[in-house]
Amino acid sequence: MMEIYLNQIAHGRSGDKGDTSNVCVFARKPEYYAIIEREVTPERVKAHFKGMVKGDITRYDVPSLGGFNFVMKHALGGGATHSLRLDTLGKSMGSAFMRMKISIGDEEI
């Protein structure tokens, strides 16, 4: 087993609405979908964003697109008009998400 950054096998798009951020994670190759499904759970995402995402995280699996949509509640310090955080928008969450470390077998990549 080895540890890699998620961005080595996936890319993402992100956005926000109020205090909710959503990040869509897409496998770079079809065979990476199962790795992401196994490694990128709501619990692991919550640990990755420890202290930032205060609410629930819901993962929606979209196998027909080779991806997942993560909806993170109470993730932006109240949202753009309420937060004192430097970057209150969900756009930067996608970049931070891609820096999540995951474990894969040598034969999986």
Protein backbone atom coordinates (compact mmCIF):
# COMPACT_ATOMS: atom_id res chain seq x y z
CA MET A 1 0.00 0.00 0.00
CA MET A 2 1.07 3.56 -0.62
CA GLU A 3 -0.38 6.96 0.11
CA ILE A 4 -1.15 9.45 -2.67
CA TYR A 5 -3.06 12.69 -3.06
CA LEU A 6 -6.58 12.33 -4.44
CA ASN A 7 -5.71 14.63 -7.35
CA GLN A 8 -3.49 11.91 -8.80
CA ILE A 9 -6.55 9.81 -9.67
CA ALA A 10 -9.36 12.39 -9.68
CA HIS A 11 -10.31 15.92 -10.58
CA GLY A 12 -13.08 18.03 -9.14
CA ARG A 13 -15.47 20.93 -9.46
CA SER A 14 -16.81 22.87 -6.54
CA GLY A 15 -19.31 25.53 -5.63
CA ASP A 16 -21.26 27.03 -2.78
CA LYS A 17 -24.65 28.25 -1.70
CA GLY A 18 -24.75 30.11 1.58
CA ASP A 19 -22.90 28.05 4.18
CA THR A 20 -23.00 24.85 2.10
CA SER A 21 -20.17 23.72 -0.14
CA ASN A 22 -20.39 20.99 -2.71
CA VAL A 23 -17.52 19.24 -4.44
CA CYS A 24 -17.91 16.84 -7.34
CA VAL A 25 -15.05 14.34 -7.60
CA PHE A 26 -14.55 12.57 -10.93
CA ALA A 27 -12.27 9.57 -11.52
CA ARG A 28 -9.57 10.28 -14.12
CA LYS A 29 -9.93 6.68 -15.39
CA PRO A 30 -12.89 4.28 -15.00
CA GLU A 31 -10.80 1.89 -12.90
CA TYR A 32 -10.18 4.63 -10.32
CA TYR A 33 -13.89 4.90 -9.49
CA ALA A 34 -13.78 1.91 -7.10
CA ILE A 35 -10.74 3.34 -5.30
CA ILE A 36 -12.50 6.65 -4.74
CA GLU A 37 -15.66 4.86 -3.63
CA ARG A 38 -13.65 2.89 -1.05
CA GLU A 39 -11.31 5.64 0.17
CA VAL A 40 -13.28 8.88 -0.01
CA THR A 41 -16.08 8.35 2.48
CA PRO A 42 -18.01 11.12 4.24
CA GLU A 43 -16.22 10.20 7.46
CA ARG A 44 -12.78 10.53 5.89
CA VAL A 45 -13.74 13.80 4.22
CA LYS A 46 -14.94 15.13 7.59
CA ALA A 47 -11.57 14.19 9.13
CA HIS A 48 -9.74 15.85 6.22
CA PHE A 49 -11.66 19.10 6.80
CA LYS A 50 -11.46 18.84 10.60
CA GLY A 51 -12.48 22.10 12.20
CA MET A 52 -13.70 23.60 8.92
CA VAL A 53 -16.79 21.56 8.07
CA LYS A 54 -19.04 21.72 11.10
CA GLY A 55 -22.13 20.00 9.67
CA ASP A 56 -23.03 16.78 7.94
CA ILE A 57 -21.38 15.55 4.76
CA THR A 58 -23.49 13.59 2.29
CA ARG A 59 -21.99 11.66 -0.62
CA TYR A 60 -24.05 11.06 -3.73
CA ASP A 61 -22.63 8.33 -5.97
CA VAL A 62 -22.99 8.93 -9.71
CA PRO A 63 -21.45 5.86 -11.36
CA SER A 64 -22.77 6.77 -14.82
CA LEU A 65 -20.48 9.84 -14.73
CA GLY A 66 -17.66 8.15 -12.86
CA GLY A 67 -18.01 10.51 -9.96
CA PHE A 68 -19.35 11.52 -6.59
CA ASN A 69 -20.98 14.69 -5.31
CA PHE A 70 -20.16 15.67 -1.73
CA VAL A 71 -22.46 18.17 -0.04
CA MET A 72 -20.91 19.70 3.07
CA LYS A 73 -23.16 21.64 5.44
CA HIS A 74 -21.90 24.47 7.66
CA ALA A 75 -18.65 24.44 5.73
CA LEU A 76 -18.01 28.09 4.91
CA GLY A 77 -18.05 29.90 8.22
CA GLY A 78 -21.58 31.16 7.64
CA GLY A 79 -21.16 31.97 3.95
CA ALA A 80 -19.74 34.91 2.02
CA THR A 81 -21.71 37.64 3.80
CA HIS A 82 -21.32 36.26 7.33
CA SER A 83 -17.87 34.74 7.62
CA LEU A 84 -14.64 36.26 8.86
CA ARG A 85 -12.65 33.60 6.99
CA LEU A 86 -10.28 34.85 4.30
CA ASP A 87 -11.89 32.71 1.60
CA THR A 88 -15.58 32.12 2.25
CA LEU A 89 -16.44 30.59 -1.11
CA GLY A 90 -16.74 26.92 -1.96
CA LYS A 91 -14.45 27.25 -4.98
CA SER A 92 -11.34 26.79 -2.87
CA MET A 93 -12.85 23.74 -1.17
CA GLY A 94 -12.36 21.73 -4.37
CA SER A 95 -8.63 22.42 -4.35
CA ALA A 96 -8.37 21.54 -0.66
CA PHE A 97 -10.41 18.37 -1.30
CA MET A 98 -7.92 17.22 -3.96
CA ARG A 99 -5.12 17.39 -1.36
CA MET A 100 -6.81 14.63 0.65
CA LYS A 101 -4.47 11.66 1.08
CA ILE A 102 -5.75 8.19 0.23
CA SER A 103 -4.24 4.70 0.35
CA ILE A 104 -3.95 2.51 -2.72
CA GLY A 105 -2.29 -0.75 -3.59
CA ASP A 106 0.79 -0.68 -5.83
CA GLU A 107 -1.16 -2.56 -8.49
CA GLU A 108 -4.04 -0.08 -8.53
CA ILE A 109 -2.20 2.75 -10.25
